[in-house]
Amino acid sequence: MTDHSKRLSELRANIDELDSELVSILARRAKLTTQVGQIKSQTGMPVYVPERERELIASRRDEAEKAGVSPELTEDLLRRIMRESYHTQNNRYRCINPDIEQVVIIGGAGALGKVFVSLFQKSGYPVAVIEKDDWDKAETDAILARADLVVVAVPITLTESVIATLNHLPEDCVLADITSVKVKPLQAMLTHHKGPVVGLHPMFGPDAPGMIKQVVVVCDGRGQSHYQWLVEQMRTWGATIHHSSAEEHDSAMAFIQVMRHFNTFVYGAHLQSEGPDLDTLTVFSSPIYRLELAMVGRLFAQSPQLYADIIFNNPDNFALLRRFHTRFGEALSLLENNDKDGFIRAFDSIGKWFGDYAKKCLVDSKQLLLKADDGEMLRKP
């Protein structure tokens, strides 16, 4: 063995030793965060405290810079470690309203319904699940008759019809839904239930491990003081609450969900018709294009019924898609007419409309793409 080889082996051994120490430190840290989680569950403190996280990261970045270590690397490591801590330290949450004797999740066996069932159970609430085969059972009426909270977590197409059956709930029972549209379900709840009503839209998919750092939109209906405990419970679970009118919510969802999902559907249909080799596309793609392709593939790995319900639910959104189709045609005509100057003018105008947000996206996306490339995400094995 040459001197260089010997020295390299020694250095690698030292690095291996330090890596093992890192694992040991992570294990010790996990024990401490578990204790933190236990205290939070007893006191009702939120799992996620943004101010605490910002202060911690700023302090460690400063220490890293003084030690000659990359502050960006330090922040990346801390954020990954903290994310793991948030999701592992809390097997129990504080029960904000111990007077609640029965929570009912209609559709609780569904993907998103299961998330709510788990969170309520971890907070110590008695939870009952009602599915479509349970409506004819005698005990179902008894369960609903003693319910303090009923959450409707069924597909969009069934939401209003299910709500229409809930006209004999206790008057002080809180009725809520968690569908991705709000105007019609909220109106249905107000019509068929005389008690407290609130529309909720968890802005995350069923693959999310919980509500930590997730946004939940709250559309007030009736009797806000009676369901404020539910809002505070979601904050305890780590959610960020955003209050909105049902009309404002649905208008935003036309752009966030309907237009994006339909555009992705068409992109996927075009790929299928053209027939490129997907493995070859990933080989030739930089991280940003692999991520964009991943977003297309992700859609088609999920329920077609779910996305059909979202897109077809409100025919008023079809006009938006038609306008998008028109603008696509207008942009294509710039190419067909070889109007590069027109393209540049349009590009510049759109960039000015996005303003500083575009610059923020450029900076933030660079960090995201570096992380994606580190893991060789979605490359051909």
Protein backbone atom coordinates (compact mmCIF):
# COMPACT_ATOMS: atom_id res chain seq x y z
CA MET A 1 0.00 0.00 0.00
CA THR A 2 1.41 3.39 -0.96
CA ASP A 3 1.69 6.25 1.52
CA HIS A 4 -1.17 8.04 -0.23
CA SER A 5 -3.40 4.96 -0.04
CA LYS A 6 -2.57 4.46 3.60
CA ARG A 7 -3.30 8.08 4.43
CA LEU A 8 -6.57 7.94 2.45
CA SER A 9 -7.65 4.83 4.36
CA GLU A 10 -6.90 6.55 7.67
CA LEU A 11 -8.90 9.62 6.68
CA ARG A 12 -11.83 7.51 5.53
CA ALA A 13 -11.76 5.61 8.82
CA ASN A 14 -11.91 8.91 10.70
CA ILE A 15 -14.82 10.05 8.55
CA ASP A 16 -16.64 6.77 9.20
CA GLU A 17 -16.12 7.29 12.93
CA LEU A 18 -17.55 10.80 12.75
CA ASP A 19 -20.52 9.57 10.74
CA SER A 20 -21.21 7.00 13.44
CA GLU A 21 -21.05 9.78 16.02
CA LEU A 22 -23.64 11.70 13.99
CA VAL A 23 -25.98 8.71 14.15
CA SER A 24 -25.47 8.51 17.90
CA ILE A 25 -26.16 12.24 18.26
CA LEU A 26 -29.36 11.89 16.20
CA ALA A 27 -30.51 9.07 18.49
CA ARG A 28 -29.85 11.20 21.59
CA ARG A 29 -31.62 14.15 20.01
CA ALA A 30 -34.64 11.95 19.17
CA LYS A 31 -34.96 10.98 22.84
CA LEU A 32 -35.01 14.63 23.83
CA THR A 33 -37.59 15.60 21.20
CA THR A 34 -39.77 12.71 22.36
CA GLN A 35 -39.77 14.26 25.83
CA VAL A 36 -40.60 17.63 24.28
CA GLY A 37 -43.51 15.99 22.48
CA GLN A 38 -44.80 14.53 25.73
CA ILE A 39 -44.79 17.96 27.39
CA LYS A 40 -46.53 19.52 24.39
CA SER A 41 -49.22 16.83 24.45
CA GLN A 42 -49.88 17.56 28.13
CA THR A 43 -49.96 21.35 27.82
CA GLY A 44 -51.61 21.70 24.40
CA MET A 45 -48.66 23.58 22.93
CA PRO A 46 -48.58 23.41 19.11
CA VAL A 47 -46.25 20.86 17.60
CA TYR A 48 -44.87 23.42 15.18
CA VAL A 49 -43.85 26.82 16.52
CA PRO A 50 -42.56 28.94 13.60
CA GLU A 51 -40.84 31.54 15.81
CA ARG A 52 -38.88 28.87 17.69
CA GLU A 53 -37.81 27.22 14.43
CA ARG A 54 -36.69 30.52 12.87
CA GLU A 55 -34.66 31.49 15.95
CA LEU A 56 -33.01 28.08 16.16
CA ILE A 57 -32.00 28.04 12.50
CA ALA A 58 -30.72 31.63 12.59
CA SER A 59 -28.61 30.85 15.66
CA ARG A 60 -27.13 27.67 14.17
CA ARG A 61 -26.41 29.42 10.86
CA ASP A 62 -24.47 32.07 12.78
CA GLU A 63 -22.51 29.42 14.65
CA ALA A 64 -21.77 27.58 11.42
CA GLU A 65 -20.44 30.69 9.73
CA LYS A 66 -18.13 31.43 12.68
CA ALA A 67 -16.88 27.82 12.55
CA GLY A 68 -16.20 27.97 8.83
CA VAL A 69 -19.04 25.60 7.99
CA SER A 70 -21.58 26.30 5.25
CA PRO A 71 -24.68 27.96 6.82
CA GLU A 72 -26.77 26.56 3.95
CA LEU A 73 -25.61 23.01 4.70
CA THR A 74 -26.31 23.52 8.38
CA GLU A 75 -29.81 24.81 7.69
CA ASP A 76 -30.56 21.93 5.29
CA LEU A 77 -29.52 19.38 7.88
CA LEU A 78 -31.48 21.04 10.68
CA ARG A 79 -34.65 21.34 8.63
CA ARG A 80 -34.50 17.67 7.67
CA ILE A 81 -33.84 16.64 11.27
CA MET A 82 -36.63 18.84 12.62
CA ARG A 83 -39.10 17.57 10.05
CA GLU A 84 -38.41 14.04 11.23
CA SER A 85 -38.78 15.15 14.85
CA TYR A 86 -42.16 16.77 14.22
CA HIS A 87 -43.55 13.55 12.81
CA THR A 88 -42.05 11.12 15.31
CA GLN A 89 -42.22 12.95 18.64
CA ASN A 90 -45.99 13.21 18.76
CA ASN A 91 -47.90 9.98 19.18
CA ARG A 92 -50.28 11.89 21.44
CA TYR A 93 -51.73 15.38 21.29
CA ARG A 94 -53.59 17.37 23.91
CA CYS A 95 -57.37 17.09 23.75
CA ILE A 96 -58.53 20.70 23.45
CA ASN A 97 -62.16 19.91 24.32
CA PRO A 98 -62.43 16.95 26.72
CA ASP A 99 -66.21 17.49 26.93
CA ILE A 100 -66.58 16.00 23.44
CA GLU A 101 -68.08 12.54 23.86
CA GLN A 102 -68.38 11.46 20.22
CA VAL A 103 -66.60 12.43 17.00
CA VAL A 104 -68.04 10.87 13.85
CA ILE A 105 -66.10 10.72 10.58
CA ILE A 106 -68.34 9.84 7.65
CA GLY A 107 -65.98 8.29 5.15
CA GLY A 108 -63.33 7.71 7.78
CA ALA A 109 -62.01 4.64 5.98
CA GLY A 110 -61.07 6.76 2.98
CA ALA A 111 -57.57 8.09 2.43
CA LEU A 112 -58.04 11.57 3.88
CA GLY A 113 -60.66 10.41 6.35
CA LYS A 114 -58.09 8.08 7.90
CA VAL A 115 -55.78 11.04 8.57
CA PHE A 116 -58.52 12.77 10.59
CA VAL A 117 -59.46 9.58 12.42
CA SER A 118 -55.83 9.11 13.46
CA LEU A 119 -55.40 12.70 14.62
CA PHE A 120 -58.59 12.70 16.69
CA GLN A 121 -57.65 9.36 18.24
CA LYS A 122 -54.17 10.61 19.10
CA SER A 123 -55.88 13.46 20.93
CA GLY A 124 -58.00 11.08 22.98
CA TYR A 125 -61.38 11.73 21.34
CA PRO A 126 -63.83 8.81 21.00
CA VAL A 127 -64.10 8.36 17.22
CA ALA A 128 -66.73 6.46 15.24
CA VAL A 129 -66.46 5.81 11.49
CA ILE A 130 -69.48 5.55 9.21
CA GLU A 131 -69.17 4.11 5.72
CA LYS A 132 -71.74 3.59 2.96
CA ASP A 133 -72.60 0.08 4.16
CA ASP A 134 -73.44 1.40 7.65
CA TRP A 135 -76.43 3.60 6.81
CA ASP A 136 -78.96 0.77 7.19
CA LYS A 137 -77.59 -0.34 10.56
CA ALA A 138 -79.62 0.51 13.64
CA GLU A 139 -76.53 1.61 15.58
CA THR A 140 -75.73 4.29 12.97
CA ASP A 141 -78.71 6.41 14.02
CA ALA A 142 -77.66 6.01 17.64
CA ILE A 143 -74.09 7.09 16.86
CA LEU A 144 -75.27 10.20 15.03
CA ALA A 145 -77.82 10.99 17.77
CA ARG A 146 -75.04 11.41 20.35
CA ALA A 147 -72.48 13.07 18.05
CA ASP A 148 -70.77 16.29 19.14
CA LEU A 149 -68.88 16.63 15.85
CA VAL A 150 -69.64 15.09 12.45
CA VAL A 151 -67.02 15.43 9.72
CA VAL A 152 -68.14 14.57 6.17
CA ALA A 153 -65.13 13.08 4.35
CA VAL A 154 -66.75 11.47 1.31
CA PRO A 155 -66.07 12.08 -2.42
CA ILE A 156 -67.17 15.46 -3.78
CA THR A 157 -70.00 13.96 -5.82
CA LEU A 158 -71.54 12.41 -2.70
CA THR A 159 -70.95 15.24 -0.25
CA GLU A 160 -74.19 17.15 -0.72
CA SER A 161 -76.37 14.04 -0.78
CA VAL A 162 -74.76 12.74 2.41
CA ILE A 163 -75.24 16.12 4.09
CA ALA A 164 -78.91 16.05 3.12
CA THR A 165 -79.38 12.92 5.26
CA LEU A 166 -77.96 14.63 8.37
CA ASN A 167 -81.05 16.67 9.27
CA HIS A 168 -81.62 14.98 12.63
CA LEU A 169 -78.29 15.67 14.31
CA PRO A 170 -78.30 17.13 17.82
CA GLU A 171 -78.76 20.88 17.53
CA ASP A 172 -75.47 21.62 19.29
CA CYS A 173 -73.51 19.14 17.12
CA VAL A 174 -70.83 20.72 14.92
CA LEU A 175 -71.16 19.70 11.27
CA ALA A 176 -68.10 20.06 9.04
CA ASP A 177 -66.93 18.88 5.64
CA ILE A 178 -63.40 18.52 4.23
CA THR A 179 -64.02 18.58 0.49
CA SER A 180 -61.97 20.72 -1.90
CA VAL A 181 -64.98 22.84 -2.90
CA LYS A 182 -66.79 24.94 -0.36
CA VAL A 183 -69.74 27.00 -1.65
CA LYS A 184 -72.20 24.17 -2.31
CA PRO A 185 -71.27 21.91 0.64
CA LEU A 186 -71.38 24.85 3.05
CA GLN A 187 -74.81 25.90 1.78
CA ALA A 188 -76.03 22.32 2.04
CA MET A 189 -74.87 22.07 5.65
CA LEU A 190 -76.54 25.39 6.54
CA THR A 191 -79.76 24.18 4.92
CA HIS A 192 -79.98 20.73 6.49
CA HIS A 193 -78.51 21.36 9.95
CA LYS A 194 -79.68 24.04 12.34
CA GLY A 195 -76.61 23.88 14.56
CA PRO A 196 -72.96 24.96 14.19
CA VAL A 197 -71.56 24.56 10.67
CA VAL A 198 -68.04 25.02 9.27
CA GLY A 199 -66.41 24.21 5.93
CA LEU A 200 -62.83 22.93 6.01
CA HIS A 201 -60.34 22.28 3.23
CA PRO A 202 -57.09 20.59 4.30
CA MET A 203 -54.60 21.78 1.69
CA PHE A 204 -52.68 18.51 1.55
CA GLY A 205 -53.10 15.05 0.15
CA PRO A 206 -53.82 11.82 2.00
CA ASP A 207 -50.14 10.84 1.79
CA ALA A 208 -49.26 13.62 4.25
CA PRO A 209 -48.36 12.17 7.67
CA GLY A 210 -50.44 14.78 9.48
CA MET A 211 -51.10 18.52 9.69
CA ILE A 212 -47.66 19.78 10.69
CA LYS A 213 -46.83 22.85 8.58
CA GLN A 214 -49.94 22.21 6.49
CA VAL A 215 -52.59 24.82 5.67
CA VAL A 216 -56.24 24.21 6.51
CA VAL A 217 -58.75 26.66 5.03
CA VAL A 218 -61.66 27.47 7.34
CA CYS A 219 -64.89 28.82 5.85
CA ASP A 220 -67.13 30.02 8.66
CA GLY A 221 -70.74 28.96 8.48
CA ARG A 222 -72.75 29.30 11.69
CA GLY A 223 -71.98 29.24 15.40
CA GLN A 224 -68.27 29.98 15.27
CA SER A 225 -67.90 29.96 19.05
CA HIS A 226 -69.15 26.37 19.12
CA TYR A 227 -66.49 25.05 16.73
CA GLN A 228 -63.57 27.27 17.76
CA TRP A 229 -62.26 24.32 19.78
CA LEU A 230 -61.93 22.37 16.50
CA VAL A 231 -59.89 25.18 14.95
CA GLU A 232 -57.63 25.27 18.01
CA GLN A 233 -57.30 21.49 17.91
CA MET A 234 -56.02 21.68 14.34
CA ARG A 235 -53.52 24.33 15.42
CA THR A 236 -52.35 21.94 18.13
CA TRP A 237 -51.85 19.31 15.44
CA GLY A 238 -49.48 21.76 13.72
CA ALA A 239 -51.78 23.27 11.10
CA THR A 240 -51.69 26.84 9.83
CA ILE A 241 -55.27 28.13 9.72
CA HIS A 242 -56.40 30.41 6.89
CA HIS A 243 -59.89 31.91 7.13
CA SER A 244 -61.69 32.53 3.85
CA SER A 245 -65.15 32.96 2.43
CA ALA A 246 -66.42 29.95 0.49
CA GLU A 247 -66.62 32.07 -2.67
CA GLU A 248 -63.02 33.27 -2.40
CA HIS A 249 -61.87 29.72 -1.75
CA ASP A 250 -63.62 28.22 -4.77
CA SER A 251 -62.37 31.01 -7.03
CA ALA A 252 -58.78 30.28 -6.00
CA MET A 253 -59.26 26.52 -6.39
CA ALA A 254 -60.23 27.03 -10.03
CA PHE A 255 -56.63 28.09 -10.66
CA ILE A 256 -54.85 25.95 -8.06
CA GLN A 257 -56.63 22.67 -8.68
CA VAL A 258 -58.90 22.60 -11.72
CA MET A 259 -56.63 24.36 -14.19
CA ARG A 260 -53.43 22.66 -13.00
CA HIS A 261 -54.94 19.17 -12.89
CA PHE A 262 -56.54 19.54 -16.32
CA ASN A 263 -53.32 20.91 -17.80
CA THR A 264 -51.41 17.96 -16.32
CA PHE A 265 -54.01 15.54 -17.67
CA VAL A 266 -53.59 16.96 -21.20
CA TYR A 267 -49.78 16.86 -20.90
CA GLY A 268 -49.98 13.18 -19.86
CA ALA A 269 -52.36 12.42 -22.73
CA HIS A 270 -49.96 14.09 -25.16
CA LEU A 271 -47.02 12.05 -23.85
CA GLN A 272 -49.02 8.85 -24.21
CA SER A 273 -49.96 9.69 -27.80
CA GLU A 274 -46.42 10.70 -28.79
CA GLY A 275 -44.98 7.64 -27.04
CA PRO A 276 -41.50 8.75 -25.88
CA ASP A 277 -39.49 6.40 -23.70
CA LEU A 278 -39.87 7.70 -20.14
CA ASP A 279 -36.54 6.29 -18.97
CA THR A 280 -34.79 8.10 -21.79
CA LEU A 281 -36.57 11.34 -20.90
CA THR A 282 -35.34 11.15 -17.31
CA VAL A 283 -31.76 10.48 -18.45
CA PHE A 284 -31.79 13.63 -20.56
CA SER A 285 -33.62 15.74 -17.96
CA SER A 286 -32.06 18.14 -15.49
CA PRO A 287 -33.52 18.07 -11.95
CA ILE A 288 -36.22 20.65 -12.70
CA TYR A 289 -37.53 18.70 -15.69
CA ARG A 290 -37.46 15.45 -13.73
CA LEU A 291 -39.52 17.11 -11.04
CA GLU A 292 -41.98 18.48 -13.59
CA LEU A 293 -42.29 15.03 -15.14
CA ALA A 294 -42.72 13.59 -11.64
CA MET A 295 -45.68 15.90 -11.05
CA VAL A 296 -47.30 14.54 -14.19
CA GLY A 297 -46.59 10.94 -13.23
CA ARG A 298 -47.83 11.56 -9.69
CA LEU A 299 -51.26 12.54 -10.97
CA PHE A 300 -51.72 9.29 -12.88
CA ALA A 301 -50.66 7.20 -9.89
CA GLN A 302 -53.78 8.37 -8.05
CA SER A 303 -57.52 7.88 -8.32
CA PRO A 304 -58.98 8.98 -11.68
CA GLN A 305 -62.37 9.30 -9.99
CA LEU A 306 -60.96 11.84 -7.52
CA TYR A 307 -59.56 14.11 -10.21
CA ALA A 308 -62.59 13.70 -12.43
CA ASP A 309 -64.75 14.84 -9.51
CA ILE A 310 -62.54 17.90 -8.90
CA ILE A 311 -62.46 18.95 -12.56
CA PHE A 312 -66.08 18.18 -13.47
CA ASN A 313 -67.63 19.39 -10.22
CA ASN A 314 -68.16 23.02 -11.23
CA PRO A 315 -69.05 23.69 -14.90
CA ASP A 316 -68.40 27.38 -14.22
CA ASN A 317 -64.69 26.52 -14.34
CA PHE A 318 -64.94 25.26 -17.91
CA ALA A 319 -64.90 28.84 -19.18
CA LEU A 320 -61.54 29.33 -17.47
CA LEU A 321 -60.17 26.27 -19.25
CA ARG A 322 -61.56 27.52 -22.54
CA ARG A 323 -59.75 30.85 -22.05
CA PHE A 324 -56.57 28.91 -21.30
CA HIS A 325 -57.06 26.99 -24.54
CA THR A 326 -57.45 30.29 -26.43
CA ARG A 327 -54.27 31.73 -24.93
CA PHE A 328 -52.35 28.57 -25.78
CA GLY A 329 -53.46 29.02 -29.36
CA GLU A 330 -52.44 32.67 -29.34
CA ALA A 331 -48.98 31.76 -28.04
CA LEU A 332 -48.64 29.04 -30.69
CA SER A 333 -49.48 31.56 -33.40
CA LEU A 334 -46.42 33.58 -32.33
CA LEU A 335 -44.28 30.58 -33.23
CA GLU A 336 -46.10 29.86 -36.46
CA ASN A 337 -45.66 33.50 -37.52
CA ASN A 338 -42.01 33.49 -36.44
CA ASP A 339 -42.81 36.45 -34.20
CA LYS A 340 -39.91 36.17 -31.79
CA ASP A 341 -40.16 39.84 -30.83
CA GLY A 342 -43.82 39.34 -29.92
CA PHE A 343 -42.88 36.34 -27.79
CA ILE A 344 -40.22 38.37 -25.96
CA ARG A 345 -42.63 41.25 -25.34
CA ALA A 346 -45.24 38.86 -23.94
CA PHE A 347 -42.60 37.10 -21.81
CA ASP A 348 -41.40 40.43 -20.41
CA SER A 349 -44.97 41.56 -19.67
CA ILE A 350 -45.75 38.35 -17.79
CA GLY A 351 -42.49 38.62 -15.85
CA LYS A 352 -43.43 42.14 -14.72
CA TRP A 353 -46.84 40.84 -13.59
CA PHE A 354 -45.13 38.19 -11.41
CA GLY A 355 -42.78 40.88 -10.08
CA ASP A 356 -40.59 40.06 -7.07
CA TYR A 357 -42.36 36.74 -6.60
CA ALA A 358 -40.61 35.44 -9.73
CA LYS A 359 -37.22 36.35 -8.23
CA LYS A 360 -38.11 34.58 -4.99
CA CYS A 361 -39.15 31.51 -6.97
CA LEU A 362 -35.80 31.52 -8.78
CA VAL A 363 -33.85 31.59 -5.51
CA ASP A 364 -36.01 29.05 -3.65
CA SER A 365 -36.20 26.64 -6.58
CA LYS A 366 -32.41 26.53 -6.82
CA GLN A 367 -32.27 25.14 -3.30
CA LEU A 368 -35.02 22.67 -4.06
CA LEU A 369 -33.27 21.47 -7.21
CA LEU A 370 -29.95 21.01 -5.43
CA LYS A 371 -31.68 18.71 -2.94
CA ALA A 372 -33.36 16.82 -5.76
CA ASP A 373 -30.07 16.31 -7.56
CA ASP A 374 -28.28 15.18 -4.39
CA GLY A 375 -30.65 12.24 -4.16
CA GLU A 376 -30.58 11.58 -7.91
CA MET A 377 -34.33 11.77 -7.74
CA LEU A 378 -36.35 9.98 -10.40
CA ARG A 379 -33.33 8.97 -12.46
CA LYS A 380 -33.22 5.71 -14.34
CA PRO A 381 -31.85 3.05 -11.95
